Amino acid sequence: MKKASEPPKPVKPKTTDEVEQPSSSKTEVPPSRAGKKAIAGHFDPAVSKQLRQLALEEDSTVQALLEEALNDLFSKYGKPPIA
């Protein structure tokens, strides 16, 4: 005679303390990024393309152009250029 099958027991979700966190040694920061904070925004793909094209035309980098743009913005509003 067969036993009636029991329903599966619910699985208790792990708390944040139980979830395995990545080791800090795996997330080393390159020296060029040490002490820096990423700033991002969502724009039309054409904005990204034009920015990359401008960087190529000016023999520069997107990072350098964004620094220039942020410093211009800070100056416009009377803030020191710190980017």
C-alpha atoms as a PDB file:
ATOM      1  CA  MET A   1       0.000   0.000   0.000  1.00  0.00           C
ATOM      2  CA  LYS A   2       1.306   3.460  -0.989  1.00  0.00           C
ATOM      3  CA  LYS A   3       1.581   6.365   1.419  1.00  0.00           C
ATOM      4  CA  ALA A   4      -0.051   9.617   0.412  1.00  0.00           C
ATOM      5  CA  SER A   5       2.653  11.996  -0.733  1.00  0.00           C
ATOM      6  CA  GLU A   6       3.226  14.960   1.542  1.00  0.00           C
ATOM      7  CA  PRO A   7       3.190  18.468   0.060  1.00  0.00           C
ATOM      8  CA  PRO A   8       6.649  20.038  -0.194  1.00  0.00           C
ATOM      9  CA  LYS A   9       7.698  22.109   2.789  1.00  0.00           C
ATOM     10  CA  PRO A  10       7.985  25.845   2.088  1.00  0.00           C
ATOM     11  CA  VAL A  11      11.524  27.165   1.737  1.00  0.00           C
ATOM     12  CA  LYS A  12      12.401  29.947   4.131  1.00  0.00           C
ATOM     13  CA  PRO A  13      14.051  32.853   2.256  1.00  0.00           C
ATOM     14  CA  LYS A  14      17.523  33.778   3.450  1.00  0.00           C
ATOM     15  CA  THR A  15      17.942  36.978   5.382  1.00  0.00           C
ATOM     16  CA  THR A  16      20.601  39.498   4.380  1.00  0.00           C
ATOM     17  CA  ASP A  17      22.796  38.107   7.168  1.00  0.00           C
ATOM     18  CA  GLU A  18      22.569  34.603   5.659  1.00  0.00           C
ATOM     19  CA  VAL A  19      23.263  35.604   2.048  1.00  0.00           C
ATOM     20  CA  GLU A  20      26.869  35.064   1.074  1.00  0.00           C
ATOM     21  CA  GLN A  21      28.555  38.395   0.377  1.00  0.00           C
ATOM     22  CA  PRO A  22      31.397  38.704  -2.141  1.00  0.00           C
ATOM     23  CA  SER A  23      34.843  38.775  -0.640  1.00  0.00           C
ATOM     24  CA  SER A  24      36.435  42.220  -0.516  1.00  0.00           C
ATOM     25  CA  SER A  25      39.578  40.785  -2.104  1.00  0.00           C
ATOM     26  CA  LYS A  26      37.544  40.026  -5.250  1.00  0.00           C
ATOM     27  CA  THR A  27      36.403  43.641  -5.553  1.00  0.00           C
ATOM     28  CA  GLU A  28      39.739  45.442  -5.661  1.00  0.00           C
ATOM     29  CA  VAL A  29      39.517  48.987  -6.940  1.00  0.00           C
ATOM     30  CA  PRO A  30      42.047  50.119  -9.555  1.00  0.00           C
ATOM     31  CA  PRO A  31      44.302  52.910  -8.231  1.00  0.00           C
ATOM     32  CA  SER A  32      42.824  55.339 -10.773  1.00  0.00           C
ATOM     33  CA  ARG A  33      39.377  54.854  -9.196  1.00  0.00           C
ATOM     34  CA  ALA A  34      40.419  54.849  -5.535  1.00  0.00           C
ATOM     35  CA  GLY A  35      38.537  57.535  -3.647  1.00  0.00           C
ATOM     36  CA  LYS A  36      36.313  58.293  -6.657  1.00  0.00           C
ATOM     37  CA  LYS A  37      32.527  58.023  -7.039  1.00  0.00           C
ATOM     38  CA  ALA A  38      30.730  57.038 -10.249  1.00  0.00           C
ATOM     39  CA  ILE A  39      28.097  59.468 -11.559  1.00  0.00           C
ATOM     40  CA  ALA A  40      25.657  58.199 -14.175  1.00  0.00           C
ATOM     41  CA  GLY A  41      22.561  59.171 -16.112  1.00  0.00           C
ATOM     42  CA  HIS A  42      20.270  57.674 -18.728  1.00  0.00           C
ATOM     43  CA  PHE A  43      20.354  59.344 -22.124  1.00  0.00           C
ATOM     44  CA  ASP A  44      19.344  58.623 -25.688  1.00  0.00           C
ATOM     45  CA  PRO A  45      21.871  56.341 -27.438  1.00  0.00           C
ATOM     46  CA  ALA A  46      22.635  59.222 -29.830  1.00  0.00           C
ATOM     47  CA  VAL A  47      24.048  61.203 -26.887  1.00  0.00           C
ATOM     48  CA  SER A  48      26.501  58.415 -26.094  1.00  0.00           C
ATOM     49  CA  LYS A  49      27.508  58.081 -29.738  1.00  0.00           C
ATOM     50  CA  GLN A  50      28.036  61.815 -30.179  1.00  0.00           C
ATOM     51  CA  LEU A  51      30.073  62.041 -26.971  1.00  0.00           C
ATOM     52  CA  ARG A  52      32.339  59.178 -28.084  1.00  0.00           C
ATOM     53  CA  GLN A  53      32.710  60.761 -31.539  1.00  0.00           C
ATOM     54  CA  LEU A  54      33.653  64.086 -29.973  1.00  0.00           C
ATOM     55  CA  ALA A  55      36.245  62.359 -27.792  1.00  0.00           C
ATOM     56  CA  LEU A  56      37.786  60.798 -30.909  1.00  0.00           C
ATOM     57  CA  GLU A  57      37.735  64.078 -32.848  1.00  0.00           C
ATOM     58  CA  GLU A  58      39.384  65.929 -29.953  1.00  0.00           C
ATOM     59  CA  ASP A  59      41.884  63.119 -29.258  1.00  0.00           C
ATOM     60  CA  SER A  60      40.461  62.978 -25.754  1.00  0.00           C
ATOM     61  CA  THR A  61      38.419  60.617 -23.600  1.00  0.00           C
ATOM     62  CA  VAL A  62      34.784  60.584 -22.586  1.00  0.00           C
ATOM     63  CA  GLN A  63      35.997  60.930 -18.984  1.00  0.00           C
ATOM     64  CA  ALA A  64      37.968  64.102 -19.812  1.00  0.00           C
ATOM     65  CA  LEU A  65      35.036  65.613 -21.724  1.00  0.00           C
ATOM     66  CA  LEU A  66      32.668  64.897 -18.844  1.00  0.00           C
ATOM     67  CA  GLU A  67      35.134  66.500 -16.405  1.00  0.00           C
ATOM     68  CA  GLU A  68      35.244  69.589 -18.633  1.00  0.00           C
ATOM     69  CA  ALA A  69      31.457  69.712 -18.904  1.00  0.00           C
ATOM     70  CA  LEU A  70      30.971  69.357 -15.144  1.00  0.00           C
ATOM     71  CA  ASN A  71      33.528  72.053 -14.404  1.00  0.00           C
ATOM     72  CA  ASP A  72      31.787  74.381 -16.904  1.00  0.00           C
ATOM     73  CA  LEU A  73      28.471  73.653 -15.167  1.00  0.00           C
ATOM     74  CA  PHE A  74      29.960  74.316 -11.724  1.00  0.00           C
ATOM     75  CA  SER A  75      31.450  77.614 -12.932  1.00  0.00           C
ATOM     76  CA  LYS A  76      28.126  78.655 -14.465  1.00  0.00           C
ATOM     77  CA  TYR A  77      26.502  78.302 -11.053  1.00  0.00           C
ATOM     78  CA  GLY A  78      29.313  79.983  -9.132  1.00  0.00           C
ATOM     79  CA  LYS A  79      30.843  76.793  -7.766  1.00  0.00           C
ATOM     80  CA  PRO A  80      34.546  75.938  -7.866  1.00  0.00           C
ATOM     81  CA  PRO A  81      35.630  73.635 -10.733  1.00  0.00           C
ATOM     82  CA  ILE A  82      36.548  70.482  -8.816  1.00  0.00           C
ATOM     83  CA  ALA A  83      35.912  67.662 -11.318  1.00  0.00           C
END
